Protein backbone atom coordinates (compact mmCIF):
# COMPACT_ATOMS: atom_id res chain seq x y z
CA PHE A 1 -108.39 -63.87 49.03
CA THR A 2 -107.19 -67.43 48.77
CA THR A 3 -110.51 -69.26 49.02
CA GLU A 4 -113.94 -68.76 47.54
CA GLU A 5 -116.69 -67.93 49.98
CA PRO A 6 -119.64 -70.33 49.82
CA PRO A 7 -123.04 -68.89 48.91
CA ARG A 8 -125.04 -67.50 51.83
CA GLY A 9 -127.31 -70.13 53.33
CA ALA A 10 -125.63 -73.02 51.48
CA ALA A 11 -125.52 -75.10 54.67
CA GLU A 12 -129.15 -74.37 55.59
CA GLU A 13 -131.39 -77.37 55.09
CA SER A 14 -134.44 -75.23 54.45
CA LEU A 15 -132.73 -73.25 51.68
CA ARG A 16 -131.47 -76.26 49.70
CA ALA A 17 -133.41 -77.65 46.77
CA ARG A 18 -135.34 -80.66 48.15
CA GLU A 19 -136.11 -82.37 44.89
CA GLU A 20 -134.58 -82.38 41.45
CA GLY A 21 -137.31 -80.18 39.98
CA GLU A 22 -137.09 -77.39 42.60
CA GLU A 23 -135.01 -74.31 42.11
CA ALA A 24 -132.50 -73.61 44.90
CA VAL A 25 -133.36 -70.69 47.15
CA VAL A 26 -130.72 -67.97 47.27
CA TYR A 27 -130.41 -65.96 50.48
CA ASN A 28 -129.73 -62.32 49.58
CA GLU A 29 -130.44 -60.51 52.86
CA ARG A 30 -127.75 -58.20 54.21
CA ILE A 31 -127.35 -56.47 57.55
CA THR A 32 -127.48 -52.70 57.11
CA TRP A 33 -127.22 -49.79 59.52
CA GLN A 34 -130.87 -48.95 58.82
CA LYS A 35 -131.91 -52.43 59.99
CA ILE A 36 -129.76 -52.15 63.10
CA LYS A 37 -131.30 -48.74 63.87
CA LEU A 38 -134.77 -50.26 63.48
CA LEU A 39 -133.91 -53.14 65.82
CA LEU A 40 -132.48 -50.83 68.48
CA GLN A 41 -135.75 -48.88 68.65
CA ILE A 42 -137.22 -51.86 70.53
CA PRO A 43 -136.48 -51.56 74.28
CA SER A 44 -136.15 -55.31 74.87
CA ASN A 45 -133.39 -55.46 72.26
CA TRP A 46 -131.43 -52.91 74.31
CA LEU A 47 -131.75 -55.24 77.31
CA ILE A 48 -130.26 -58.07 75.25
CA VAL A 49 -127.35 -55.88 74.15
CA LEU A 50 -126.70 -54.53 77.65
CA GLN A 51 -126.78 -57.95 79.32
CA GLY A 52 -124.07 -59.07 76.91
CA LEU A 53 -121.61 -56.34 77.88
CA PRO A 54 -120.49 -57.89 81.20
CA GLY A 55 -120.02 -61.20 79.44
CA SER A 56 -117.58 -59.65 77.01
CA LEU A 57 -115.21 -58.46 79.74
CA PRO A 58 -112.04 -60.50 80.12
CA TRP A 59 -112.81 -61.50 83.71
CA GLY A 60 -109.54 -63.39 84.19
CA MET A 61 -107.51 -60.30 83.38
CA PHE A 62 -109.75 -58.16 85.57
CA PHE A 63 -109.12 -60.27 88.66
CA VAL A 64 -105.36 -60.54 88.01
CA TYR A 65 -105.13 -56.77 87.52
CA PHE A 66 -107.21 -56.18 90.66
CA ASN A 67 -104.84 -58.35 92.75
CA ASP A 68 -101.83 -56.50 91.34
CA TYR A 69 -103.52 -53.17 92.05
CA LEU A 70 -104.19 -54.15 95.67
CA GLN A 71 -100.57 -55.25 96.14
CA VAL A 72 -98.77 -52.42 94.39
CA GLU A 73 -101.02 -49.40 94.91
CA GLN A 74 -102.73 -50.25 98.20
CA GLY A 75 -99.84 -52.09 99.88
CA PHE A 76 -101.70 -55.31 100.69
CA SER A 77 -99.75 -58.55 101.01
CA THR A 78 -100.14 -61.29 98.43
CA GLY A 79 -102.26 -63.41 100.74
CA VAL A 80 -104.62 -60.57 101.66
CA SER A 81 -105.12 -59.31 98.13
């Protein structure tokens, strides 16, 4: 809203005009749901997506919550939990 978005691919070396006489290449590709559906038909792409799920968990919060759970709900001492 306050700034103008640069053209897609403007920072890509391969898309810039290399010499004065060349016309600059404009990148017009867009991600669509049809393309995503096509990509997810490939089993190895599902493996890539699934392996990323554990990495997106906030592990720090998980372990803090787990310690609190052991103390409050299970009655463990602070040192044991």
